[in-house]
Amino acid sequence: MVSKSIVIGIDLGTADSYVAYVGKGVVDIVQNEVSKRATSTLVGFTDRERLLGDAALAQIKSNAKNTCRNFKHIIGRKLEAPDLEKESFWSTCKLATTEDDLAGYDVTYKGEARQMSAIQICAMYFTKLKEITEKWCQGKVADCVISVPSYFSDVQRRAVLDAAGIAGISVLKIMNEHTAT
């Protein structure tokens, strides 16, 4: 059986993200596995598994130091950037400089200390959004448009594209969030 190809729009938010698609002639917002249209923009790591979205939200109080949030703010950035100093206040994970000299996180996953770049974290999250969407729409995500803040630099936009590529998502366009609304 050939599944239908779908084109989606991802609104990558700081706290929550949304996925829109055109179905039956109208734009609809995808519901996640807990029947919410907003999916928490979180990635968590435990001794047994990786948790994404609302599953990560459910365990953030008991596992804050291994739950990455606000990764949108550090993606494609160097940790030494002056305005990133205040990000450590909002981050539940320890911020770190990764091998590629970009901002990321120190986490413990399956009992092992690991360093994850914001690009890797975002790719994990995009993979989750893709899975939710394909299940909801009963089709395969062919392409997408992603909204990012208008102040994102070219490097940050490229990092979002890299994350989408790692997640197996073909990006047609990166749009400013205000343009997308």
Protein backbone atom coordinates (compact mmCIF):
# COMPACT_ATOMS: atom_id res chain seq x y z
CA MET A 1 0.00 0.00 0.00
CA VAL A 2 1.35 3.41 -0.99
CA SER A 3 0.91 6.00 1.72
CA LYS A 4 0.13 9.59 0.90
CA SER A 5 2.85 12.22 1.00
CA ILE A 6 2.16 15.22 3.17
CA VAL A 7 3.70 18.67 3.50
CA ILE A 8 3.73 20.16 6.98
CA GLY A 9 4.57 23.37 8.77
CA ILE A 10 6.48 23.25 12.06
CA ASP A 11 6.27 26.15 14.51
CA LEU A 12 9.33 25.50 16.68
CA GLY A 13 8.47 27.21 19.94
CA THR A 14 10.42 27.71 23.13
CA ALA A 15 7.90 25.98 25.40
CA ASP A 16 5.61 24.25 22.89
CA SER A 17 5.70 23.45 19.20
CA TYR A 18 2.93 22.92 16.67
CA VAL A 19 2.67 20.99 13.42
CA ALA A 20 0.17 22.11 10.77
CA TYR A 21 -0.87 20.29 7.61
CA VAL A 22 -3.51 20.62 4.93
CA GLY A 23 -6.02 17.83 5.18
CA LYS A 24 -9.38 17.62 3.44
CA GLY A 25 -8.92 21.13 2.06
CA VAL A 26 -8.36 22.87 5.39
CA VAL A 27 -5.34 23.57 7.55
CA ASP A 28 -5.35 21.47 10.71
CA ILE A 29 -3.02 21.21 13.70
CA VAL A 30 -1.72 17.72 14.46
CA GLN A 31 -2.66 16.22 17.83
CA ASN A 32 0.09 14.40 19.71
CA GLU A 33 -0.17 11.08 21.55
CA VAL A 34 -1.90 12.75 24.50
CA SER A 35 -4.44 14.48 22.22
CA LYS A 36 -2.90 17.93 22.58
CA ARG A 37 -2.19 20.19 19.64
CA ALA A 38 0.77 21.76 21.44
CA THR A 39 3.73 19.44 22.01
CA SER A 40 6.16 20.41 24.77
CA THR A 41 9.53 21.40 23.31
CA LEU A 42 11.55 19.14 25.60
CA VAL A 43 13.95 16.21 25.28
CA GLY A 44 14.74 14.16 28.39
CA PHE A 45 17.18 11.35 29.10
CA THR A 46 16.87 8.63 31.74
CA ASP A 47 18.76 5.47 32.67
CA ARG A 48 16.47 3.52 30.32
CA GLU A 49 15.21 5.75 27.55
CA ARG A 50 14.99 9.05 25.73
CA LEU A 51 11.77 10.98 26.30
CA LEU A 52 10.41 13.60 23.95
CA GLY A 53 7.64 16.16 24.13
CA ASP A 54 5.00 15.56 26.77
CA ALA A 55 6.72 12.40 28.02
CA ALA A 56 9.74 14.56 28.88
CA LEU A 57 7.46 17.13 30.52
CA ALA A 58 5.97 14.44 32.77
CA GLN A 59 9.37 13.69 34.30
CA ILE A 60 11.04 17.11 34.27
CA LYS A 61 10.60 17.71 38.02
CA SER A 62 12.23 14.42 38.97
CA ASN A 63 14.89 14.55 36.24
CA ALA A 64 15.48 18.24 35.50
CA LYS A 65 19.25 17.97 35.06
CA ASN A 66 18.75 15.54 32.16
CA THR A 67 15.85 17.31 30.46
CA CYS A 68 16.84 19.76 27.71
CA ARG A 69 14.67 22.78 27.16
CA ASN A 70 15.16 26.13 25.44
CA PHE A 71 17.40 24.43 22.86
CA LYS A 72 15.92 26.75 20.26
CA HIS A 73 17.77 29.62 21.96
CA ILE A 74 21.21 28.02 21.75
CA ILE A 75 21.06 26.13 18.44
CA GLY A 76 23.90 27.12 16.12
CA ARG A 77 25.42 29.42 18.74
CA LYS A 78 28.73 29.46 20.55
CA LEU A 79 28.42 29.23 24.31
CA GLU A 80 30.69 32.26 24.69
CA ALA A 81 28.10 34.55 23.07
CA PRO A 82 27.37 37.32 25.61
CA ASP A 83 23.60 36.86 25.57
CA LEU A 84 23.86 33.10 26.18
CA GLU A 85 25.17 33.66 29.70
CA LYS A 86 21.63 34.29 30.90
CA GLU A 87 20.41 31.09 29.17
CA SER A 88 22.03 29.02 31.91
CA PHE A 89 19.48 30.50 34.32
CA TRP A 90 16.61 29.04 32.25
CA SER A 91 18.31 25.78 31.36
CA THR A 92 17.67 22.76 33.54
CA CYS A 93 20.66 20.93 32.00
CA LYS A 94 24.24 22.07 32.31
CA LEU A 95 25.22 24.02 29.20
CA ALA A 96 28.46 22.89 27.57
CA THR A 97 30.61 23.54 24.52
CA THR A 98 30.47 20.54 22.20
CA GLU A 99 33.20 19.06 19.98
CA ASP A 100 32.03 21.23 17.08
CA ASP A 101 32.56 24.32 19.29
CA LEU A 102 28.83 25.02 19.57
CA ALA A 103 26.53 25.26 22.57
CA GLY A 104 25.00 22.05 23.85
CA TYR A 105 24.22 20.14 27.02
CA ASP A 106 25.85 17.73 29.45
CA VAL A 107 23.39 14.91 30.22
CA THR A 108 23.41 11.40 31.61
CA TYR A 109 21.76 8.86 29.31
CA LYS A 110 21.54 5.15 30.13
CA GLY A 111 23.99 5.71 32.99
CA GLU A 112 26.63 7.32 30.78
CA ALA A 113 27.68 10.99 30.80
CA ARG A 114 27.20 12.43 27.32
CA GLN A 115 27.46 15.74 25.60
CA MET A 116 24.69 16.58 23.15
CA SER A 117 24.70 19.52 20.78
CA ALA A 118 21.58 21.63 20.42
CA ILE A 119 21.45 20.43 16.80
CA GLN A 120 21.31 16.79 17.99
CA ILE A 121 18.63 17.62 20.56
CA CYS A 122 16.57 19.49 17.97
CA ALA A 123 16.95 16.59 15.51
CA MET A 124 15.62 14.18 18.14
CA TYR A 125 12.69 16.49 18.72
CA PHE A 126 11.98 16.89 14.99
CA THR A 127 12.02 13.09 14.66
CA LYS A 128 9.32 12.92 17.34
CA LEU A 129 7.21 15.57 15.60
CA LYS A 130 7.58 13.66 12.34
CA GLU A 131 6.46 10.38 13.98
CA ILE A 132 3.45 12.06 15.61
CA THR A 133 2.48 13.67 12.32
CA GLU A 134 2.81 10.52 10.23
CA LYS A 135 0.68 8.60 12.69
CA TRP A 136 -1.96 11.35 12.89
CA CYS A 137 -2.11 11.97 9.13
CA GLN A 138 -1.60 8.34 8.12
CA GLY A 139 0.95 9.41 5.55
CA LYS A 140 4.62 10.09 5.08
CA VAL A 141 6.07 13.56 5.69
CA ALA A 142 7.55 14.55 2.33
CA ASP A 143 8.49 18.18 2.95
CA CYS A 144 8.09 20.90 5.53
CA VAL A 145 8.36 24.58 6.27
CA ILE A 146 9.82 25.55 9.66
CA SER A 147 9.25 28.86 11.42
CA VAL A 148 12.03 30.42 13.47
CA PRO A 149 12.42 33.81 15.18
CA SER A 150 13.19 36.69 12.81
CA TYR A 151 16.36 37.46 14.77
CA PHE A 152 17.88 34.04 13.96
CA SER A 153 21.20 34.43 12.15
CA ASP A 154 22.07 32.52 8.98
CA VAL A 155 24.16 30.15 11.12
CA GLN A 156 21.20 29.42 13.41
CA ARG A 157 18.92 28.86 10.41
CA ARG A 158 21.51 26.48 8.92
CA ALA A 159 21.63 24.62 12.26
CA VAL A 160 17.84 24.17 12.18
CA LEU A 161 18.16 22.86 8.61
CA ASP A 162 20.88 20.46 9.77
CA ALA A 163 18.67 19.20 12.60
CA ALA A 164 15.79 18.64 10.19
CA GLY A 165 18.11 16.79 7.81
CA ILE A 166 19.30 14.50 10.60
CA ALA A 167 15.63 13.80 11.38
CA GLY A 168 15.02 12.86 7.75
CA ILE A 169 12.87 15.89 7.02
CA SER A 170 13.22 17.76 3.73
CA VAL A 171 12.83 21.50 4.36
CA LEU A 172 11.29 23.64 1.64
CA LYS A 173 11.76 26.90 3.52
CA ILE A 174 12.76 28.43 6.83
CA MET A 175 10.35 31.29 7.60
CA ASN A 176 10.27 34.02 10.21
CA GLU A 177 7.64 33.14 12.81
CA HIS A 178 5.73 36.39 12.35
CA THR A 179 5.51 35.81 8.60
CA ALA A 180 4.16 32.30 9.19
CA THR A 181 1.20 33.54 11.24
